[in-house]
């Protein structure tokens, strides 16, 4: 993991890379939130998948940033004992 962090730090010094990385912040935030919710529920991806009625690979895709539908997010949230809340925040 340390090698990745070193690579990331170096890559983000490039303004073009940094701009692209920053543009993906919302996707990264969703990924972090999904991981945290599953960790708080002390569940594996396989357990979440079983509760959702889907496959472990589908849960892995959700957690790795593939744009989920609102229906999928609701199923995931229910599987980990949470609910979906959406808000539009002011820019700037």
PDB file of N, CA and C in Angstrom:
ATOM      1  N   UNK A   1       0.824  -1.187   0.000  1.00  0.00           N
ATOM      2  CA  UNK A   1       0.000   0.000   0.000  1.00  0.00           C
ATOM      3  C   UNK A   1       0.869   1.251   0.000  1.00  0.00           C
ATOM      4  N   UNK A   2       1.978   1.191   0.663  1.00  0.00           N
ATOM      5  CA  UNK A   2       2.876   2.342   0.736  1.00  0.00           C
ATOM      6  C   UNK A   2       3.374   2.712  -0.649  1.00  0.00           C
ATOM      7  N   UNK A   3       3.663   1.714  -1.492  1.00  0.00           N
ATOM      8  CA  UNK A   3       4.112   2.000  -2.852  1.00  0.00           C
ATOM      9  C   UNK A   3       3.048   2.756  -3.629  1.00  0.00           C
ATOM     10  N   UNK A   4       1.788   2.386  -3.426  1.00  0.00           N
ATOM     11  CA  UNK A   4       0.714   3.088  -4.105  1.00  0.00           C
ATOM     12  C   UNK A   4       0.619   4.530  -3.629  1.00  0.00           C
ATOM     13  N   UNK A   5       0.711   4.740  -2.326  1.00  0.00           N
ATOM     14  CA  UNK A   5       0.633   6.096  -1.784  1.00  0.00           C
ATOM     15  C   UNK A   5       1.770   6.966  -2.315  1.00  0.00           C
ATOM     16  N   UNK A   6       2.948   6.392  -2.437  1.00  0.00           N
ATOM     17  CA  UNK A   6       4.093   7.123  -3.007  1.00  0.00           C
ATOM     18  C   UNK A   6       3.813   7.468  -4.465  1.00  0.00           C
ATOM     19  N   UNK A   7       3.307   6.500  -5.213  1.00  0.00           N
ATOM     20  CA  UNK A   7       2.956   6.729  -6.614  1.00  0.00           C
ATOM     21  C   UNK A   7       1.897   7.816  -6.735  1.00  0.00           C
ATOM     22  N   UNK A   8       0.860   7.726  -5.899  1.00  0.00           N
ATOM     23  CA  UNK A   8      -0.240   8.691  -5.939  1.00  0.00           C
ATOM     24  C   UNK A   8       0.266  10.094  -5.640  1.00  0.00           C
ATOM     25  N   UNK A   9       1.071  10.225  -4.613  1.00  0.00           N
ATOM     26  CA  UNK A   9       1.602  11.532  -4.229  1.00  0.00           C
ATOM     27  C   UNK A   9       2.398  12.151  -5.378  1.00  0.00           C
ATOM     28  N   UNK A  10       3.221  11.338  -6.011  1.00  0.00           N
ATOM     29  CA  UNK A  10       4.026  11.818  -7.133  1.00  0.00           C
ATOM     30  C   UNK A  10       3.140  12.179  -8.330  1.00  0.00           C
ATOM     31  N   UNK A  11       2.170  11.326  -8.631  1.00  0.00           N
ATOM     32  CA  UNK A  11       1.291  11.559  -9.780  1.00  0.00           C
ATOM     33  C   UNK A  11       0.467  12.828  -9.608  1.00  0.00           C
ATOM     34  N   UNK A  12       0.023  13.095  -8.383  1.00  0.00           N
ATOM     35  CA  UNK A  12      -0.826  14.260  -8.141  1.00  0.00           C
ATOM     36  C   UNK A  12      -0.075  15.583  -8.222  1.00  0.00           C
ATOM     37  N   UNK A  13       1.233  15.528  -8.348  1.00  0.00           N
ATOM     38  CA  UNK A  13       2.010  16.752  -8.574  1.00  0.00           C
ATOM     39  C   UNK A  13       1.818  17.265 -10.000  1.00  0.00           C
ATOM     40  N   UNK A  14       1.372  16.365 -10.887  1.00  0.00           N
ATOM     41  CA  UNK A  14       1.086  16.750 -12.269  1.00  0.00           C
ATOM     42  C   UNK A  14      -0.282  17.435 -12.277  1.00  0.00           C
ATOM     43  N   UNK A  15      -0.356  18.700 -12.721  1.00  0.00           N
ATOM     44  CA  UNK A  15      -1.630  19.433 -12.679  1.00  0.00           C
ATOM     45  C   UNK A  15      -2.761  18.755 -13.452  1.00  0.00           C
ATOM     46  N   UNK A  16      -2.451  18.107 -14.563  1.00  0.00           N
ATOM     47  CA  UNK A  16      -3.501  17.429 -15.330  1.00  0.00           C
ATOM     48  C   UNK A  16      -4.043  16.219 -14.571  1.00  0.00           C
ATOM     49  N   UNK A  17      -3.154  15.470 -13.985  1.00  0.00           N
ATOM     50  CA  UNK A  17      -3.566  14.302 -13.195  1.00  0.00           C
ATOM     51  C   UNK A  17      -4.381  14.767 -11.998  1.00  0.00           C
ATOM     52  N   UNK A  18      -3.914  15.811 -11.326  1.00  0.00           N
ATOM     53  CA  UNK A  18      -4.617  16.347 -10.151  1.00  0.00           C
ATOM     54  C   UNK A  18      -6.023  16.812 -10.530  1.00  0.00           C
ATOM     55  N   UNK A  19      -6.169  17.487 -11.649  1.00  0.00           N
ATOM     56  CA  UNK A  19      -7.482  17.964 -12.092  1.00  0.00           C
ATOM     57  C   UNK A  19      -8.429  16.789 -12.349  1.00  0.00           C
ATOM     58  N   UNK A  20      -7.926  15.742 -12.996  1.00  0.00           N
ATOM     59  CA  UNK A  20      -8.764  14.558 -13.261  1.00  0.00           C
ATOM     60  C   UNK A  20      -9.134  13.852 -11.957  1.00  0.00           C
ATOM     61  N   UNK A  21      -8.168  13.742 -11.069  1.00  0.00           N
ATOM     62  CA  UNK A  21      -8.400  13.107  -9.769  1.00  0.00           C
ATOM     63  C   UNK A  21      -9.459  13.884  -8.984  1.00  0.00           C
ATOM     64  N   UNK A  22      -9.318  15.199  -8.946  1.00  0.00           N
ATOM     65  CA  UNK A  22     -10.274  16.033  -8.216  1.00  0.00           C
ATOM     66  C   UNK A  22     -11.672  15.941  -8.816  1.00  0.00           C
ATOM     67  N   UNK A  23     -11.751  15.781 -10.128  1.00  0.00           N
ATOM     68  CA  UNK A  23     -13.046  15.676 -10.797  1.00  0.00           C
ATOM     69  C   UNK A  23     -13.799  14.406 -10.384  1.00  0.00           C
ATOM     70  N   UNK A  24     -13.091  13.443  -9.873  1.00  0.00           N
ATOM     71  CA  UNK A  24     -13.699  12.170  -9.461  1.00  0.00           C
ATOM     72  C   UNK A  24     -14.000  12.112  -7.963  1.00  0.00           C
ATOM     73  N   UNK A  25     -13.866  13.212  -7.267  1.00  0.00           N
ATOM     74  CA  UNK A  25     -14.030  13.215  -5.807  1.00  0.00           C
ATOM     75  C   UNK A  25     -15.374  12.657  -5.361  1.00  0.00           C
ATOM     76  N   UNK A  26     -16.447  12.968  -6.059  1.00  0.00           N
ATOM     77  CA  UNK A  26     -17.758  12.454  -5.650  1.00  0.00           C
ATOM     78  C   UNK A  26     -17.804  10.933  -5.729  1.00  0.00           C
ATOM     79  N   UNK A  27     -17.227  10.371  -6.783  1.00  0.00           N
ATOM     80  CA  UNK A  27     -17.188   8.912  -6.911  1.00  0.00           C
ATOM     81  C   UNK A  27     -16.346   8.301  -5.798  1.00  0.00           C
ATOM     82  N   UNK A  28     -15.185   8.919  -5.499  1.00  0.00           N
ATOM     83  CA  UNK A  28     -14.335   8.416  -4.420  1.00  0.00           C
ATOM     84  C   UNK A  28     -15.061   8.504  -3.079  1.00  0.00           C
ATOM     85  N   UNK A  29     -15.799   9.579  -2.861  1.00  0.00           N
ATOM     86  CA  UNK A  29     -16.537   9.749  -1.604  1.00  0.00           C
ATOM     87  C   UNK A  29     -17.593   8.654  -1.449  1.00  0.00           C
ATOM     88  N   UNK A  30     -18.287   8.336  -2.535  1.00  0.00           N
ATOM     89  CA  UNK A  30     -19.284   7.268  -2.476  1.00  0.00           C
ATOM     90  C   UNK A  30     -18.616   5.929  -2.169  1.00  0.00           C
ATOM     91  N   UNK A  31     -17.507   5.653  -2.812  1.00  0.00           N
ATOM     92  CA  UNK A  31     -16.787   4.397  -2.566  1.00  0.00           C
ATOM     93  C   UNK A  31     -16.379   4.298  -1.093  1.00  0.00           C
ATOM     94  N   UNK A  32     -15.830   5.392  -0.546  1.00  0.00           N
ATOM     95  CA  UNK A  32     -15.427   5.395   0.866  1.00  0.00           C
ATOM     96  C   UNK A  32     -16.624   5.157   1.777  1.00  0.00           C
ATOM     97  N   UNK A  33     -17.743   5.791   1.452  1.00  0.00           N
ATOM     98  CA  UNK A  33     -18.936   5.650   2.282  1.00  0.00           C
ATOM     99  C   UNK A  33     -19.474   4.219   2.262  1.00  0.00           C
ATOM    100  N   UNK A  34     -19.465   3.597   1.096  1.00  0.00           N
ATOM    101  CA  UNK A  34     -19.911   2.198   1.005  1.00  0.00           C
ATOM    102  C   UNK A  34     -19.007   1.293   1.826  1.00  0.00           C
ATOM    103  N   UNK A  35     -17.702   1.484   1.704  1.00  0.00           N
ATOM    104  CA  UNK A  35     -16.757   0.666   2.479  1.00  0.00           C
ATOM    105  C   UNK A  35     -16.965   0.861   3.981  1.00  0.00           C
ATOM    106  N   UNK A  36     -17.122   2.124   4.403  1.00  0.00           N
ATOM    107  CA  UNK A  36     -17.319   2.406   5.833  1.00  0.00           C
ATOM    108  C   UNK A  36     -18.603   1.759   6.353  1.00  0.00           C
ATOM    109  N   UNK A  37     -19.672   1.866   5.590  1.00  0.00           N
ATOM    110  CA  UNK A  37     -20.956   1.307   6.023  1.00  0.00           C
ATOM    111  C   UNK A  37     -20.860  -0.209   6.180  1.00  0.00           C
ATOM    112  N   UNK A  38     -20.191  -0.858   5.235  1.00  0.00           N
ATOM    113  CA  UNK A  38     -20.042  -2.320   5.334  1.00  0.00           C
ATOM    114  C   UNK A  38     -19.164  -2.691   6.518  1.00  0.00           C
ATOM    115  N   UNK A  39     -18.098  -1.914   6.740  1.00  0.00           N
ATOM    116  CA  UNK A  39     -17.207  -2.184   7.874  1.00  0.00           C
ATOM    117  C   UNK A  39     -17.949  -1.991   9.202  1.00  0.00           C
ATOM    118  N   UNK A  40     -18.749  -0.929   9.297  1.00  0.00           N
ATOM    119  CA  UNK A  40     -19.526  -0.684  10.523  1.00  0.00           C
ATOM    120  C   UNK A  40     -20.495  -1.834  10.800  1.00  0.00           C
ATOM    121  N   UNK A  41     -21.019  -2.415   9.720  1.00  0.00           N
ATOM    122  CA  UNK A  41     -21.949  -3.535   9.865  1.00  0.00           C
ATOM    123  C   UNK A  41     -21.215  -4.852  10.086  1.00  0.00           C
ATOM    124  N   UNK A  42     -19.888  -4.806   9.982  1.00  0.00           N
ATOM    125  CA  UNK A  42     -19.050  -5.995  10.177  1.00  0.00           C
ATOM    126  C   UNK A  42     -19.466  -7.125   9.240  1.00  0.00           C
ATOM    127  N   UNK A  43     -19.647  -6.773   7.949  1.00  0.00           N
ATOM    128  CA  UNK A  43     -20.082  -7.734   6.941  1.00  0.00           C
ATOM    129  C   UNK A  43     -19.042  -7.867   5.837  1.00  0.00           C
ATOM    130  N   UNK A  44     -18.972  -9.037   5.251  1.00  0.00           N
ATOM    131  CA  UNK A  44     -18.136  -9.248   4.070  1.00  0.00           C
ATOM    132  C   UNK A  44     -18.955  -8.871   2.834  1.00  0.00           C
ATOM    133  N   UNK A  45     -18.272  -8.720   1.715  1.00  0.00           N
ATOM    134  CA  UNK A  45     -18.986  -8.471   0.464  1.00  0.00           C
ATOM    135  C   UNK A  45     -19.964  -9.599   0.168  1.00  0.00           C
ATOM    136  N   UNK A  46     -19.572 -10.825   0.457  1.00  0.00           N
ATOM    137  CA  UNK A  46     -20.447 -11.973   0.205  1.00  0.00           C
ATOM    138  C   UNK A  46     -21.712 -11.896   1.057  1.00  0.00           C
ATOM    139  N   UNK A  47     -21.558 -11.467   2.312  1.00  0.00           N
ATOM    140  CA  UNK A  47     -22.736 -11.347   3.183  1.00  0.00           C
ATOM    141  C   UNK A  47     -23.665 -10.233   2.693  1.00  0.00           C
ATOM    142  N   UNK A  48     -23.086  -9.119   2.278  1.00  0.00           N
ATOM    143  CA  UNK A  48     -23.907  -8.032   1.734  1.00  0.00           C
ATOM    144  C   UNK A  48     -24.627  -8.514   0.476  1.00  0.00           C
ATOM    145  N   UNK A  49     -23.916  -9.214  -0.371  1.00  0.00           N
ATOM    146  CA  UNK A  49     -24.515  -9.730  -1.608  1.00  0.00           C
ATOM    147  C   UNK A  49     -25.693 -10.647  -1.309  1.00  0.00           C
ATOM    148  N   UNK A  50     -25.529 -11.533  -0.341  1.00  0.00           N
ATOM    149  CA  UNK A  50     -26.617 -12.444   0.021  1.00  0.00           C
ATOM    150  C   UNK A  50     -27.836 -11.655   0.482  1.00  0.00           C
ATOM    151  N   UNK A  51     -27.609 -10.641   1.298  1.00  0.00           N
ATOM    152  CA  UNK A  51     -28.716  -9.821   1.795  1.00  0.00           C
ATOM    153  C   UNK A  51     -29.385  -9.019   0.675  1.00  0.00           C
ATOM    154  N   UNK A  52     -28.604  -8.660  -0.334  1.00  0.00           N
ATOM    155  CA  UNK A  52     -29.133  -7.891  -1.464  1.00  0.00           C
ATOM    156  C   UNK A  52     -29.780  -8.782  -2.512  1.00  0.00           C
ATOM    157  N   UNK A  53     -29.478 -10.073  -2.455  1.00  0.00           N
ATOM    158  CA  UNK A  53     -29.973 -10.985  -3.479  1.00  0.00           C
ATOM    159  C   UNK A  53     -29.195 -10.855  -4.769  1.00  0.00           C
ATOM    160  N   UNK A  54     -27.889 -10.644  -4.639  1.00  0.00           N
ATOM    161  CA  UNK A  54     -27.026 -10.475  -5.806  1.00  0.00           C
ATOM    162  C   UNK A  54     -25.723 -11.237  -5.583  1.00  0.00           C
ATOM    163  N   UNK A  55     -24.755 -11.004  -6.440  1.00  0.00           N
ATOM    164  CA  UNK A  55     -23.468 -11.701  -6.328  1.00  0.00           C
ATOM    165  C   UNK A  55     -22.432 -10.838  -5.622  1.00  0.00           C
ATOM    166  N   UNK A  56     -21.424 -11.502  -5.100  1.00  0.00           N
ATOM    167  CA  UNK A  56     -20.317 -10.787  -4.455  1.00  0.00           C
ATOM    168  C   UNK A  56     -19.633  -9.880  -5.456  1.00  0.00           C
ATOM    169  N   UNK A  57     -19.522 -10.316  -6.707  1.00  0.00           N
ATOM    170  CA  UNK A  57     -18.853  -9.483  -7.712  1.00  0.00           C
ATOM    171  C   UNK A  57     -19.663  -8.213  -7.996  1.00  0.00           C
ATOM    172  N   UNK A  58     -20.982  -8.283  -7.887  1.00  0.00           N
ATOM    173  CA  UNK A  58     -21.807  -7.082  -8.065  1.00  0.00           C
ATOM    174  C   UNK A  58     -21.553  -6.086  -6.940  1.00  0.00           C
ATOM    175  N   UNK A  59     -21.401  -6.591  -5.731  1.00  0.00           N
ATOM    176  CA  UNK A  59     -21.089  -5.722  -4.587  1.00  0.00           C
ATOM    177  C   UNK A  59     -19.701  -5.115  -4.780  1.00  0.00           C
ATOM    178  N   UNK A  60     -18.752  -5.910  -5.231  1.00  0.00           N
ATOM    179  CA  UNK A  60     -17.399  -5.397  -5.482  1.00  0.00           C
ATOM    180  C   UNK A  60     -17.435  -4.276  -6.519  1.00  0.00           C
ATOM    181  N   UNK A  61     -18.249  -4.439  -7.555  1.00  0.00           N
ATOM    182  CA  UNK A  61     -18.368  -3.381  -8.576  1.00  0.00           C
ATOM    183  C   UNK A  61     -18.942  -2.108  -7.967  1.00  0.00           C
ATOM    184  N   UNK A  62     -19.964  -2.243  -7.136  1.00  0.00           N
ATOM    185  CA  UNK A  62     -20.538  -1.070  -6.468  1.00  0.00           C
ATOM    186  C   UNK A  62     -19.479  -0.336  -5.658  1.00  0.00           C
ATOM    187  N   UNK A  63     -18.697  -1.110  -4.917  1.00  0.00           N
ATOM    188  CA  UNK A  63     -17.685  -0.531  -4.032  1.00  0.00           C
ATOM    189  C   UNK A  63     -16.471   0.001  -4.779  1.00  0.00           C
ATOM    190  N   UNK A  64     -16.319  -0.364  -6.039  1.00  0.00           N
ATOM    191  CA  UNK A  64     -15.137   0.080  -6.784  1.00  0.00           C
ATOM    192  C   UNK A  64     -15.445   1.238  -7.722  1.00  0.00           C
ATOM    193  N   UNK A  65     -16.630   1.815  -7.581  1.00  0.00           N
ATOM    194  CA  UNK A  65     -16.905   3.038  -8.297  1.00  0.00           C
ATOM    195  C   UNK A  65     -17.747   2.934  -9.540  1.00  0.00           C
ATOM    196  N   UNK A  66     -18.227   1.752  -9.882  1.00  0.00           N
ATOM    197  CA  UNK A  66     -19.146   1.656 -11.012  1.00  0.00           C
ATOM    198  C   UNK A  66     -20.436   2.368 -10.617  1.00  0.00           C
ATOM    199  N   UNK A  67     -20.884   3.263 -11.433  1.00  0.00           N
ATOM    200  CA  UNK A  67     -22.039   4.106 -11.101  1.00  0.00           C
ATOM    201  C   UNK A  67     -23.266   3.260 -10.784  1.00  0.00           C
ATOM    202  N   UNK A  68     -23.671   3.245  -9.515  1.00  0.00           N
ATOM    203  CA  UNK A  68     -24.825   2.432  -9.134  1.00  0.00           C
ATOM    204  C   UNK A  68     -26.139   3.163  -9.390  1.00  0.00           C
ATOM    205  N   UNK A  69     -27.177   2.402  -9.558  1.00  0.00           N
ATOM    206  CA  UNK A  69     -28.514   2.989  -9.634  1.00  0.00           C
ATOM    207  C   UNK A  69     -28.961   3.309  -8.209  1.00  0.00           C
ATOM    208  N   UNK A  70     -29.963   4.156  -8.108  1.00  0.00           N
ATOM    209  CA  UNK A  70     -30.510   4.475  -6.791  1.00  0.00           C
ATOM    210  C   UNK A  70     -31.106   3.223  -6.149  1.00  0.00           C
ATOM    211  N   UNK A  71     -31.690   2.361  -6.961  1.00  0.00           N
ATOM    212  CA  UNK A  71     -32.235   1.098  -6.450  1.00  0.00           C
ATOM    213  C   UNK A  71     -31.139   0.243  -5.829  1.00  0.00           C
ATOM    214  N   UNK A  72     -29.994   0.141  -6.507  1.00  0.00           N
ATOM    215  CA  UNK A  72     -28.873  -0.638  -5.971  1.00  0.00           C
ATOM    216  C   UNK A  72     -28.346  -0.027  -4.683  1.00  0.00           C
ATOM    217  N   UNK A  73     -28.245   1.294  -4.644  1.00  0.00           N
ATOM    218  CA  UNK A  73     -27.786   1.952  -3.415  1.00  0.00           C
ATOM    219  C   UNK A  73     -28.740   1.684  -2.254  1.00  0.00           C
ATOM    220  N   UNK A  74     -30.036   1.711  -2.533  1.00  0.00           N
ATOM    221  CA  UNK A  74     -31.015   1.425  -1.475  1.00  0.00           C
ATOM    222  C   UNK A  74     -30.877  -0.008  -0.964  1.00  0.00           C
ATOM    223  N   UNK A  75     -30.713  -0.958  -1.877  1.00  0.00           N
ATOM    224  CA  UNK A  75     -30.544  -2.360  -1.473  1.00  0.00           C
ATOM    225  C   UNK A  75     -29.271  -2.527  -0.648  1.00  0.00           C
ATOM    226  N   UNK A  76     -28.186  -1.887  -1.082  1.00  0.00           N
ATOM    227  CA  UNK A  76     -26.917  -1.959  -0.357  1.00  0.00           C
ATOM    228  C   UNK A  76     -27.101  -1.370   1.038  1.00  0.00           C
ATOM    229  N   UNK A  77     -27.702  -0.188   1.103  1.00  0.00           N
ATOM    230  CA  UNK A  77     -27.909   0.473   2.393  1.00  0.00           C
ATOM    231  C   UNK A  77     -28.721  -0.407   3.332  1.00  0.00           C
ATOM    232  N   UNK A  78     -29.798  -0.979   2.834  1.00  0.00           N
ATOM    233  CA  UNK A  78     -30.631  -1.854   3.661  1.00  0.00           C
ATOM    234  C   UNK A  78     -29.832  -3.065   4.140  1.00  0.00           C
ATOM    235  N   UNK A  79     -28.996  -3.617   3.262  1.00  0.00           N
ATOM    236  CA  UNK A  79     -28.196  -4.805   3.605  1.00  0.00           C
ATOM    237  C   UNK A  79     -27.205  -4.522   4.729  1.00  0.00           C
ATOM    238  N   UNK A  80     -26.734  -3.275   4.831  1.00  0.00           N
ATOM    239  CA  UNK A  80     -25.763  -2.931   5.873  1.00  0.00           C
ATOM    240  C   UNK A  80     -26.410  -2.150   7.021  1.00  0.00           C
ATOM    241  N   UNK A  81     -27.753  -2.132   7.046  1.00  0.00           N
ATOM    242  CA  UNK A  81     -28.462  -1.496   8.152  1.00  0.00           C
ATOM    243  C   UNK A  81     -28.455   0.020   8.100  1.00  0.00           C
ATOM    244  N   UNK A  82     -28.438   0.561   6.913  1.00  0.00           N
ATOM    245  CA  UNK A  82     -28.410   2.024   6.742  1.00  0.00           C
ATOM    246  C   UNK A  82     -29.529   2.444   5.806  1.00  0.00           C
ATOM    247  N   UNK A  83     -29.618   3.737   5.548  1.00  0.00           N
ATOM    248  CA  UNK A  83     -30.545   4.260   4.548  1.00  0.00           C
ATOM    249  C   UNK A  83     -29.788   5.255   3.682  1.00  0.00           C
ATOM    250  N   UNK A  84     -30.294   5.489   2.504  1.00  0.00           N
ATOM    251  CA  UNK A  84     -29.675   6.431   1.575  1.00  0.00           C
ATOM    252  C   UNK A  84     -30.215   7.824   1.875  1.00  0.00           C
ATOM    253  N   UNK A  85     -29.310   8.782   1.970  1.00  0.00           N
ATOM    254  CA  UNK A  85     -29.681  10.187   2.090  1.00  0.00           C
ATOM    255  C   UNK A  85     -28.948  10.932   0.985  1.00  0.00           C
ATOM    256  N   UNK A  86     -29.659  11.754   0.254  1.00  0.00           N
ATOM    257  CA  UNK A  86     -29.053  12.502  -0.845  1.00  0.00           C
ATOM    258  C   UNK A  86     -29.273  13.981  -0.587  1.00  0.00           C
ATOM    259  N   UNK A  87     -28.222  14.759  -0.800  1.00  0.00           N
ATOM    260  CA  UNK A  87     -28.370  16.200  -0.679  1.00  0.00           C
ATOM    261  C   UNK A  87     -27.537  16.855  -1.775  1.00  0.00           C
ATOM    262  N   UNK A  88     -27.994  17.998  -2.194  1.00  0.00           N
ATOM    263  CA  UNK A  88     -27.253  18.796  -3.152  1.00  0.00           C
ATOM    264  C   UNK A  88     -26.610  19.936  -2.375  1.00  0.00           C
ATOM    265  N   UNK A  89     -25.296  19.955  -2.367  1.00  0.00           N
ATOM    266  CA  UNK A  89     -24.559  20.945  -1.594  1.00  0.00           C
ATOM    267  C   UNK A  89     -24.189  22.142  -2.463  1.00  0.00           C
ATOM    268  N   UNK A  90     -24.088  23.270  -1.824  1.00  0.00           N
ATOM    269  CA  UNK A  90     -23.702  24.497  -2.497  1.00  0.00           C
ATOM    270  C   UNK A  90     -22.255  24.370  -2.989  1.00  0.00           C
ATOM    271  N   UNK A  91     -21.998  24.828  -4.187  1.00  0.00           N
ATOM    272  CA  UNK A  91     -20.656  24.786  -4.770  1.00  0.00           C
ATOM    273  C   UNK A  91     -19.848  25.945  -4.202  1.00  0.00           C
ATOM    274  N   UNK A  92     -18.573  25.628  -3.911  1.00  0.00           N
ATOM    275  CA  UNK A  92     -17.659  26.689  -3.489  1.00  0.00           C
ATOM    276  C   UNK A  92     -17.601  26.773  -2.052  1.00  0.00           C
TER     277      UNK A  92
END
